[in-house]
Protein backbone atom coordinates (compact mmCIF):
# COMPACT_ATOMS: atom_id res chain seq x y z
CA MET A 1 112.99 102.37 96.68
CA ALA A 2 115.05 100.20 94.29
CA PHE A 3 118.33 100.70 92.51
CA HIS A 4 120.27 98.55 90.18
CA ALA A 5 123.81 97.45 91.28
CA THR A 6 125.94 96.40 88.30
CA HIS A 7 128.88 95.37 90.68
CA SER A 8 129.50 94.09 94.17
CA VAL A 9 132.38 93.18 96.63
CA GLN A 10 132.42 90.70 99.29
CA LEU A 11 133.97 91.27 102.82
CA LEU A 12 136.68 88.56 103.33
CA ASN A 13 136.92 86.43 106.62
CA TRP A 14 134.00 88.33 108.10
CA THR A 15 133.03 87.82 111.71
CA LEU A 16 130.18 88.98 113.86
CA SER A 17 130.61 89.54 117.55
CA GLY A 18 128.33 90.83 120.26
CA HIS A 19 125.16 90.47 118.32
CA ARG A 20 121.93 88.98 119.53
CA ASP A 21 118.40 88.98 118.28
CA THR A 22 116.48 88.91 121.65
CA PRO A 23 116.71 91.71 122.46
CA LEU A 24 118.08 93.05 119.09
CA SER A 25 121.78 94.54 119.37
CA SER A 26 124.04 95.52 116.80
CA GLY A 27 127.25 93.84 117.63
CA THR A 28 130.35 94.39 115.43
CA LEU A 29 130.86 93.14 111.84
CA SER A 30 134.63 92.74 111.07
CA TRP A 31 136.51 91.66 107.93
CA SER A 32 140.07 91.18 106.83
CA GLY A 33 139.65 92.72 103.29
CA TRP A 34 137.51 92.57 100.32
CA SER A 35 137.40 91.15 96.71
CA PRO A 36 135.15 91.63 93.69
CA THR A 37 132.20 89.30 93.13
CA PRO A 38 130.29 88.30 90.04
CA PHE A 39 127.02 89.34 91.64
CA SER A 40 124.80 92.10 90.19
CA GLY A 41 121.12 92.88 90.48
CA THR A 42 118.43 95.11 91.79
CA VAL A 43 118.24 96.11 95.55
CA THR A 44 114.57 95.60 96.10
CA ASP A 45 112.29 97.26 98.64
CA ASN A 46 110.20 94.31 99.75
CA GLN A 47 108.84 95.52 103.07
CA THR A 48 108.56 99.07 104.59
CA PRO A 49 108.16 101.45 101.73
CA ASN A 50 111.33 103.59 101.10
CA ALA A 51 113.31 101.90 103.74
CA LEU A 52 116.02 99.06 103.91
CA ASP A 53 114.69 96.39 106.17
CA ARG A 54 116.82 93.66 107.84
CA ASN A 55 115.96 90.09 106.54
CA GLY A 56 113.34 91.53 104.18
CA ASP A 57 114.71 93.74 101.43
CA PHE A 58 117.14 91.92 99.14
CA PHE A 59 119.87 92.20 96.43
CA GLY A 60 119.23 90.26 93.35
CA ALA A 61 117.40 87.29 94.80
CA GLN A 62 115.05 87.15 97.74
CA GLY A 63 117.30 85.13 99.92
CA ASN A 64 120.02 87.79 99.58
CA THR A 65 118.82 90.03 102.36
CA PHE A 66 120.00 93.30 103.94
CA THR A 67 121.92 92.50 107.20
CA GLY A 68 121.08 95.72 109.01
CA TYR A 69 124.71 96.95 108.71
CA HIS A 70 125.92 99.66 106.57
CA VAL A 71 129.54 101.07 105.99
CA ASN A 72 130.66 104.51 105.08
CA ILE A 73 132.86 104.58 101.98
CA GLY A 74 134.18 107.77 100.61
CA GLY A 75 131.54 109.78 102.56
CA GLN A 76 128.53 107.69 101.40
CA ASN A 77 126.88 104.88 103.18
CA PHE A 78 126.33 101.47 101.56
CA GLY A 79 124.19 98.62 102.73
CA ILE A 80 125.75 95.26 103.50
CA PHE A 81 123.83 92.10 102.23
CA GLN A 82 123.84 88.42 102.92
CA VAL A 83 124.50 86.26 99.85
CA GLY A 84 124.86 82.79 100.92
CA SER A 85 127.75 82.59 103.44
CA MET A 86 129.10 85.92 102.11
CA ARG A 87 128.53 89.46 103.22
CA VAL A 88 128.36 91.54 100.05
CA ILE A 89 128.16 95.37 99.21
CA PRO A 90 126.31 96.09 96.03
CA TYR A 91 127.10 99.27 94.08
CA ASN A 92 127.07 100.97 90.74
CA PRO A 93 130.36 102.45 89.53
CA ALA A 94 128.52 104.85 87.13
CA GLN A 95 127.30 106.50 90.40
CA PHE A 96 130.21 105.81 92.72
CA ASP A 97 133.11 103.38 92.42
CA ILE A 98 133.75 102.26 95.88
CA THR A 99 136.86 100.14 94.89
CA SER A 100 138.90 103.38 94.23
CA VAL A 101 138.41 104.50 97.99
CA PHE A 102 137.40 101.54 99.95
CA PRO A 103 140.60 100.36 101.89
CA ASN A 104 141.35 96.80 101.18
CA ALA A 105 142.32 95.98 104.73
CA ALA A 106 141.04 94.76 107.96
CA SER A 107 138.03 96.79 109.28
CA SER A 108 134.76 96.66 111.06
CA THR A 109 131.52 98.56 111.47
CA VAL A 110 128.81 98.72 114.19
CA ALA A 111 126.71 101.01 112.00
CA PHE A 112 123.49 98.89 112.42
CA SER A 113 119.87 99.54 112.20
CA PRO A 114 117.18 96.70 111.58
CA THR A 115 115.23 99.20 109.64
CA LEU A 116 116.59 102.26 107.94
CA THR A 117 113.29 103.76 107.91
CA THR A 118 112.02 107.00 106.23
CA ALA A 119 110.00 107.81 109.27
CA ALA A 120 111.37 111.25 110.38
CA ASN A 121 109.26 114.11 111.68
CA CYS A 122 111.58 116.66 113.20
CA PHE A 123 113.99 119.59 112.82
CA LEU A 124 117.58 119.50 111.59
CA THR A 125 120.56 120.11 113.75
CA GLY A 126 121.26 123.79 114.28
CA THR A 127 117.62 124.87 114.21
CA ARG A 128 117.15 127.76 116.60
CA ILE A 129 114.29 127.24 119.08
CA ALA A 130 112.83 130.23 121.02
CA THR A 131 113.38 130.32 124.66
CA PRO A 132 112.75 132.98 127.33
CA THR A 133 116.48 134.06 127.21
CA GLY A 134 116.70 133.95 123.25
CA PRO A 135 116.91 131.43 120.51
CA ARG A 136 119.09 128.31 121.11
CA PRO A 137 120.25 125.58 118.72
CA ILE A 138 117.86 122.69 119.25
CA GLU A 139 120.70 120.25 120.04
CA THR A 140 121.78 122.34 123.16
CA LEU A 141 118.36 122.12 124.92
CA THR A 142 117.76 119.80 127.78
CA PRO A 143 114.55 118.47 129.42
CA GLY A 144 113.08 120.78 132.02
CA GLU A 145 114.20 123.96 130.23
CA PRO A 146 111.48 126.40 129.38
CA LEU A 147 110.75 127.19 125.77
CA LEU A 148 108.79 130.13 124.32
CA GLY A 149 105.50 129.43 122.80
CA ALA A 150 104.30 130.98 119.57
CA GLU A 151 101.87 133.18 121.73
CA GLY A 152 104.56 134.46 124.08
CA HIS A 153 103.94 132.01 126.94
CA THR A 154 106.47 129.68 128.52
CA ILE A 155 106.22 125.90 127.78
CA ALA A 156 108.19 123.33 129.74
CA LEU A 157 110.38 121.00 127.51
CA ARG A 158 109.57 117.49 128.73
CA TRP A 159 112.11 115.58 126.53
CA ILE A 160 114.28 116.03 123.48
CA TRP A 161 114.26 113.19 120.83
CA ARG A 162 117.09 112.48 118.55
CA GLN A 163 116.86 110.59 115.27
CA PRO A 164 120.04 110.03 113.37
CA VAL A 165 119.78 109.34 109.68
CA ALA A 166 122.40 107.54 107.52
CA ARG A 167 122.19 108.45 103.82
CA ILE A 168 122.17 105.00 102.34
CA VAL A 169 123.02 104.68 98.61
CA GLY A 170 119.82 103.52 96.90
CA LEU A 171 117.23 104.95 99.25
CA ASP A 172 115.02 107.66 97.85
CA ASP A 173 114.47 111.20 99.12
CA ASP A 174 111.55 110.56 101.66
CA ARG A 175 113.94 111.12 104.64
CA ALA A 176 115.49 114.30 103.20
CA PRO A 177 114.39 117.66 104.58
CA VAL A 178 112.48 120.56 103.11
CA ARG A 179 114.09 123.96 103.23
CA ILE A 180 111.91 126.99 103.95
CA THR A 181 114.02 130.01 103.08
CA ALA A 182 114.13 133.08 105.28
CA HIS A 183 110.95 135.29 105.11
CA ALA A 184 109.14 132.65 102.97
CA PHE A 185 105.93 133.16 104.83
CA ALA A 186 106.36 136.85 106.03
CA GLN A 187 109.21 139.17 107.11
CA GLY A 188 111.01 137.28 109.82
CA CYS A 189 109.00 134.12 109.53
CA PRO A 190 111.37 132.17 109.39
CA ASP A 191 114.20 134.63 110.11
CA ARG A 192 116.76 132.17 108.86
CA ASP A 193 116.36 129.22 106.53
CA LEU A 194 114.41 126.53 108.34
CA MET A 195 115.23 122.83 107.51
CA LEU A 196 112.78 120.20 108.67
CA SER A 197 111.25 116.93 107.77
CA ARG A 198 108.56 116.87 105.15
CA ASP A 199 105.91 115.63 107.60
CA HIS A 200 106.60 118.31 110.22
CA ALA A 201 103.68 120.82 110.41
CA ILE A 202 104.01 124.73 110.41
CA TRP A 203 101.24 126.87 111.64
CA ILE A 204 100.00 129.17 109.01
CA ASP A 205 96.61 130.93 108.33
CA GLY A 206 95.06 128.80 111.18
CA PHE A 207 96.04 125.49 109.68
CA LEU A 208 98.87 123.03 110.63
CA VAL A 209 100.44 122.32 107.18
CA THR A 210 103.21 119.91 106.74
CA ALA A 211 106.30 121.29 105.12
CA GLY A 212 106.06 118.85 102.23
CA ALA A 213 102.69 120.18 101.31
CA LEU A 214 104.08 123.78 101.20
CA VAL A 215 106.66 123.16 98.62
CA ASN A 216 106.80 125.68 95.77
CA GLY A 217 110.02 124.84 94.16
CA THR A 218 111.42 128.34 95.02
CA SER A 219 111.24 129.68 98.52
CA ILE A 220 110.12 126.23 99.86
CA ARG A 221 111.74 123.19 98.27
CA HIS A 222 112.85 119.65 98.92
CA VAL A 223 116.43 119.07 99.53
CA PRO A 224 117.70 116.14 97.47
CA MET A 225 119.11 113.38 99.61
CA SER A 226 122.21 113.47 97.55
CA ASP A 227 122.87 116.96 98.79
CA MET A 228 122.84 115.80 102.47
CA PRO A 229 125.80 114.67 104.32
CA ALA A 230 126.32 110.86 104.82
CA GLN A 231 125.06 111.20 108.43
CA PHE A 232 122.61 113.85 109.76
CA THR A 233 120.28 114.19 112.66
CA TYR A 234 116.70 115.12 113.17
CA TRP A 235 115.64 116.45 116.66
CA HIS A 236 112.24 116.87 118.11
CA LEU A 237 110.82 118.43 121.30
CA GLU A 238 108.18 116.85 123.47
CA THR A 239 106.23 119.16 125.68
CA ASP A 240 103.25 118.34 128.02
CA ASP A 241 100.74 119.15 125.24
CA HIS A 242 100.96 119.26 121.49
CA SER A 243 101.98 122.88 121.31
CA LEU A 244 103.21 125.58 118.88
CA ILE A 245 106.84 126.44 119.55
CA LEU A 246 109.01 128.85 117.47
CA ALA A 247 111.64 127.41 115.21
CA GLU A 248 113.77 130.18 113.51
CA ASN A 249 110.93 132.45 114.55
CA CYS A 250 108.28 130.39 112.83
CA PRO A 251 105.47 128.60 114.65
CA ALA A 252 105.78 125.00 114.27
CA GLU A 253 104.31 121.96 116.18
CA SER A 254 105.96 120.26 119.06
CA PHE A 255 106.22 116.48 119.26
CA VAL A 256 103.15 114.33 118.78
CA PRO A 257 103.89 110.48 118.39
CA TYR A 258 102.95 109.99 114.74
CA THR A 259 106.34 108.28 114.69
CA ALA A 260 106.71 106.12 117.76
CA ARG A 261 109.19 107.27 120.43
CA SER A 262 110.91 103.97 120.09
CA ALA A 263 112.14 105.09 116.60
CA HIS A 264 114.38 107.74 118.34
CA ASP A 265 117.37 107.45 120.43
CA GLY A 266 116.78 107.78 124.08
CA HIS A 267 113.62 105.86 124.42
CA GLY A 268 114.99 103.71 127.22
CA ALA A 269 116.02 106.71 129.21
CA TYR A 270 112.63 108.31 128.71
CA LEU A 271 110.83 105.21 129.99
CA ALA A 272 113.27 105.11 133.05
CA ARG A 273 112.30 108.75 133.78
CA TYR A 274 108.62 108.75 133.16
CA GLY A 275 107.75 104.93 133.46
CA GLN A 276 105.73 104.63 130.24
CA ASP A 277 104.84 106.28 127.01
CA ARG A 278 101.85 108.50 126.98
CA VAL A 279 99.24 109.70 124.54
CA ILE A 280 99.49 113.20 123.50
CA ALA A 281 96.27 114.80 122.14
CA GLU A 282 96.65 116.70 118.89
CA MET A 283 95.79 120.36 118.96
CA ARG A 284 92.43 121.14 117.74
CA LEU A 285 93.48 122.67 114.41
CA PRO A 286 92.81 121.32 111.00
CA ARG A 287 95.86 119.43 109.67
CA ILE A 288 96.82 119.47 105.89
CA GLY A 289 99.24 116.83 104.52
CA ALA A 290 98.96 117.31 100.82
CA ALA A 291 99.42 120.27 98.49
CA ARG A 292 95.99 119.66 96.81
CA LEU A 293 94.35 120.28 100.09
CA VAL A 294 96.06 123.67 100.87
CA PRO A 295 93.32 126.58 100.65
CA ALA A 296 93.45 128.28 97.27
CA ALA A 297 94.46 131.70 98.78
CA LEU A 298 97.41 130.18 100.50
CA ARG A 299 98.36 128.30 97.35
CA ALA A 300 98.24 131.46 95.33
CA ARG A 301 100.12 133.49 98.02
CA LEU A 302 103.07 130.98 98.19
CA GLY A 303 103.01 130.07 94.48
CA ILE A 304 102.22 126.39 95.26
CA GLY A 305 101.56 124.39 92.12
CA HIS A 306 103.33 126.91 89.72
CA ALA A 307 106.72 125.38 89.91
CA ALA A 308 107.90 123.16 87.05
């Protein structure tokens, strides 16, 4: 992840309130207006691959680090960097000229994350999950409710995890979802387009195969981050065991902590309820995470590798 910013603006008379580093809290970054700066350069990914990291990734020179704050301008999110005593927003007007839509007036933001990570392993808002009373949008489920397993049995929902994503200008597409179009695997599987992260696994032909490994460029394809809204949310469902649930009538895995629970919203409430994190053993099914490992028969059936 890197992009070249030919322009930047500084936030005037900025102040930071309510922020502390131990424990880390976001606080509020406020300013009275903005003005152009002479700074340009490359926003460099110096730490976690394909993420913006506070005090690690930088703009132009290594000391000009990402503050953890971002601001929505004209429907797109821009990272705020520290350049000396200034707070600066780098941009490229060939991609998006923020000065035409960014109000030059007092404002503030609490949009903060110390690492805008690519780690996302979930379903998008609106995904319908099978329950004994019928399919429900994932965001309407609550812990303790029963889900309907892929084999027709009832599975208790232990927790629902939420992971908001801010589409930051300059980040690449690793956090963007894969779209599996209706009936891509078989009639009714899925019964509507299914949107999920690329590392989330689907059960097919006895294998757990990540969505990214199934991309064929037609019925299963990557969604460019540029096509996603400025903010979107992934959701994941934790059950007692690593199980197969039905998402848009397609068997898919429940939560297993490849991504730490602490990377999702609600971790504190989870600990308050359950006392501690717990290990979830993976299902005894072979897992495939790369297209080259998908069995030849399945590759041929889905047309994997034939897309331009």
